[in-house]
Amino acid sequence: MSKSAMIRARIEPDVKEHAEAIFRKLGLNATDAITLFYKQVGLCNGLPFDVRIPNEETLKAFKDTDKGVGLTHYDSMEEMFDDLDAD
């Protein structure tokens, strides 16, 4: 079957550039990636990943992190992993 249907979409340039850099590492171009996505939608009969409306707890966590509330900072990954192991 020939590829003749067109898709046009507007997207933020940085989102596009980041995604296309990942596609290149995977040996894909944007057309290949969109085709894969559409095929997965067909196979799944819906989106091929969960899409959920955040609950109140998640929304509060988003707001808190945007404000810098309750964040833990580390000077190194080693320090972070040491802290995680302590729990």
C-alpha atoms as a PDB file:
ATOM      1  CA  MET A   1       0.000   0.000   0.000  1.00  0.00           C
ATOM      2  CA  SER A   2       1.401   3.400  -0.901  1.00  0.00           C
ATOM      3  CA  LYS A   3       1.940   6.096   1.671  1.00  0.00           C
ATOM      4  CA  SER A   4      -0.251   8.936   0.505  1.00  0.00           C
ATOM      5  CA  ALA A   5      -2.200  10.134   3.570  1.00  0.00           C
ATOM      6  CA  MET A   6      -0.808  13.271   5.192  1.00  0.00           C
ATOM      7  CA  ILE A   7      -0.681  14.330   8.824  1.00  0.00           C
ATOM      8  CA  ARG A   8       0.013  17.921   9.813  1.00  0.00           C
ATOM      9  CA  ALA A   9       0.547  18.957  13.395  1.00  0.00           C
ATOM     10  CA  ARG A  10       2.025  21.875  15.275  1.00  0.00           C
ATOM     11  CA  ILE A  11       4.348  21.027  18.153  1.00  0.00           C
ATOM     12  CA  GLU A  12       6.810  22.916  20.333  1.00  0.00           C
ATOM     13  CA  PRO A  13      10.208  22.961  18.587  1.00  0.00           C
ATOM     14  CA  ASP A  14      12.127  21.660  21.612  1.00  0.00           C
ATOM     15  CA  VAL A  15       9.734  18.728  22.036  1.00  0.00           C
ATOM     16  CA  LYS A  16      10.126  17.880  18.334  1.00  0.00           C
ATOM     17  CA  GLU A  17      13.928  18.136  18.416  1.00  0.00           C
ATOM     18  CA  HIS A  18      14.236  15.985  21.543  1.00  0.00           C
ATOM     19  CA  ALA A  19      11.947  13.276  20.177  1.00  0.00           C
ATOM     20  CA  GLU A  20      13.648  13.252  16.775  1.00  0.00           C
ATOM     21  CA  ALA A  21      17.073  12.895  18.421  1.00  0.00           C
ATOM     22  CA  ILE A  22      15.769   9.779  20.167  1.00  0.00           C
ATOM     23  CA  PHE A  23      14.230   8.506  16.924  1.00  0.00           C
ATOM     24  CA  ARG A  24      17.621   8.861  15.196  1.00  0.00           C
ATOM     25  CA  LYS A  25      19.280   6.780  17.922  1.00  0.00           C
ATOM     26  CA  LEU A  26      16.637   4.128  17.259  1.00  0.00           C
ATOM     27  CA  GLY A  27      17.177   4.301  13.498  1.00  0.00           C
ATOM     28  CA  LEU A  28      13.790   5.909  12.882  1.00  0.00           C
ATOM     29  CA  ASN A  29      12.584   9.116  11.320  1.00  0.00           C
ATOM     30  CA  ALA A  30       9.441  11.012  12.322  1.00  0.00           C
ATOM     31  CA  THR A  31       7.336   9.235   9.675  1.00  0.00           C
ATOM     32  CA  ASP A  32       8.458   5.817  10.950  1.00  0.00           C
ATOM     33  CA  ALA A  33       7.713   6.804  14.548  1.00  0.00           C
ATOM     34  CA  ILE A  34       4.268   8.161  13.720  1.00  0.00           C
ATOM     35  CA  THR A  35       3.494   5.026  11.702  1.00  0.00           C
ATOM     36  CA  LEU A  36       4.546   2.848  14.664  1.00  0.00           C
ATOM     37  CA  PHE A  37       2.362   4.895  16.993  1.00  0.00           C
ATOM     38  CA  TYR A  38      -0.671   4.625  14.697  1.00  0.00           C
ATOM     39  CA  LYS A  39      -0.155   0.865  14.289  1.00  0.00           C
ATOM     40  CA  GLN A  40       0.038   0.441  18.071  1.00  0.00           C
ATOM     41  CA  VAL A  41      -3.157   2.464  18.491  1.00  0.00           C
ATOM     42  CA  GLY A  42      -4.842   0.046  16.087  1.00  0.00           C
ATOM     43  CA  LEU A  43      -3.461  -3.046  17.827  1.00  0.00           C
ATOM     44  CA  CYS A  44      -4.414  -1.748  21.286  1.00  0.00           C
ATOM     45  CA  ASN A  45      -7.721  -0.301  20.111  1.00  0.00           C
ATOM     46  CA  GLY A  46      -6.712   2.821  22.024  1.00  0.00           C
ATOM     47  CA  LEU A  47      -3.604   4.638  23.144  1.00  0.00           C
ATOM     48  CA  PRO A  48      -0.656   2.274  23.655  1.00  0.00           C
ATOM     49  CA  PHE A  49       0.032   3.733  27.109  1.00  0.00           C
ATOM     50  CA  ASP A  50      -2.025   4.764  30.132  1.00  0.00           C
ATOM     51  CA  VAL A  51      -3.476   8.253  30.122  1.00  0.00           C
ATOM     52  CA  ARG A  52      -4.969   9.263  33.423  1.00  0.00           C
ATOM     53  CA  ILE A  53      -6.277  12.386  35.048  1.00  0.00           C
ATOM     54  CA  PRO A  54      -4.068  13.028  38.090  1.00  0.00           C
ATOM     55  CA  ASN A  55      -5.732  12.561  41.481  1.00  0.00           C
ATOM     56  CA  GLU A  56      -5.598  15.217  44.203  1.00  0.00           C
ATOM     57  CA  GLU A  57      -2.455  13.753  45.813  1.00  0.00           C
ATOM     58  CA  THR A  58      -0.595  13.801  42.509  1.00  0.00           C
ATOM     59  CA  LEU A  59      -1.767  17.336  41.708  1.00  0.00           C
ATOM     60  CA  LYS A  60      -0.540  18.495  45.135  1.00  0.00           C
ATOM     61  CA  ALA A  61       2.841  16.822  44.499  1.00  0.00           C
ATOM     62  CA  PHE A  62       3.106  18.620  41.133  1.00  0.00           C
ATOM     63  CA  LYS A  63       2.320  21.974  42.741  1.00  0.00           C
ATOM     64  CA  ASP A  64       4.722  21.374  45.646  1.00  0.00           C
ATOM     65  CA  THR A  65       7.616  20.437  43.382  1.00  0.00           C
ATOM     66  CA  ASP A  66       6.951  23.453  41.159  1.00  0.00           C
ATOM     67  CA  LYS A  67       7.304  25.573  44.315  1.00  0.00           C
ATOM     68  CA  GLY A  68      10.362  23.618  45.508  1.00  0.00           C
ATOM     69  CA  VAL A  69       8.515  22.266  48.564  1.00  0.00           C
ATOM     70  CA  GLY A  70       9.661  18.932  50.005  1.00  0.00           C
ATOM     71  CA  LEU A  71      12.518  18.405  47.570  1.00  0.00           C
ATOM     72  CA  THR A  72      15.703  16.651  48.622  1.00  0.00           C
ATOM     73  CA  HIS A  73      18.979  17.799  47.087  1.00  0.00           C
ATOM     74  CA  TYR A  74      22.170  15.777  46.836  1.00  0.00           C
ATOM     75  CA  ASP A  75      25.704  16.753  45.905  1.00  0.00           C
ATOM     76  CA  SER A  76      26.325  13.440  44.139  1.00  0.00           C
ATOM     77  CA  MET A  77      24.600  10.280  42.953  1.00  0.00           C
ATOM     78  CA  GLU A  78      26.551   8.348  45.552  1.00  0.00           C
ATOM     79  CA  GLU A  79      25.071  10.502  48.316  1.00  0.00           C
ATOM     80  CA  MET A  80      21.576   9.943  46.897  1.00  0.00           C
ATOM     81  CA  PHE A  81      22.027   6.167  46.682  1.00  0.00           C
ATOM     82  CA  ASP A  82      23.444   6.069  50.203  1.00  0.00           C
ATOM     83  CA  ASP A  83      20.362   7.891  51.425  1.00  0.00           C
ATOM     84  CA  LEU A  84      18.067   5.513  49.525  1.00  0.00           C
ATOM     85  CA  ASP A  85      19.823   2.478  50.999  1.00  0.00           C
ATOM     86  CA  ALA A  86      19.372   3.884  54.514  1.00  0.00           C
ATOM     87  CA  ASP A  87      15.577   3.593  54.278  1.00  0.00           C
END
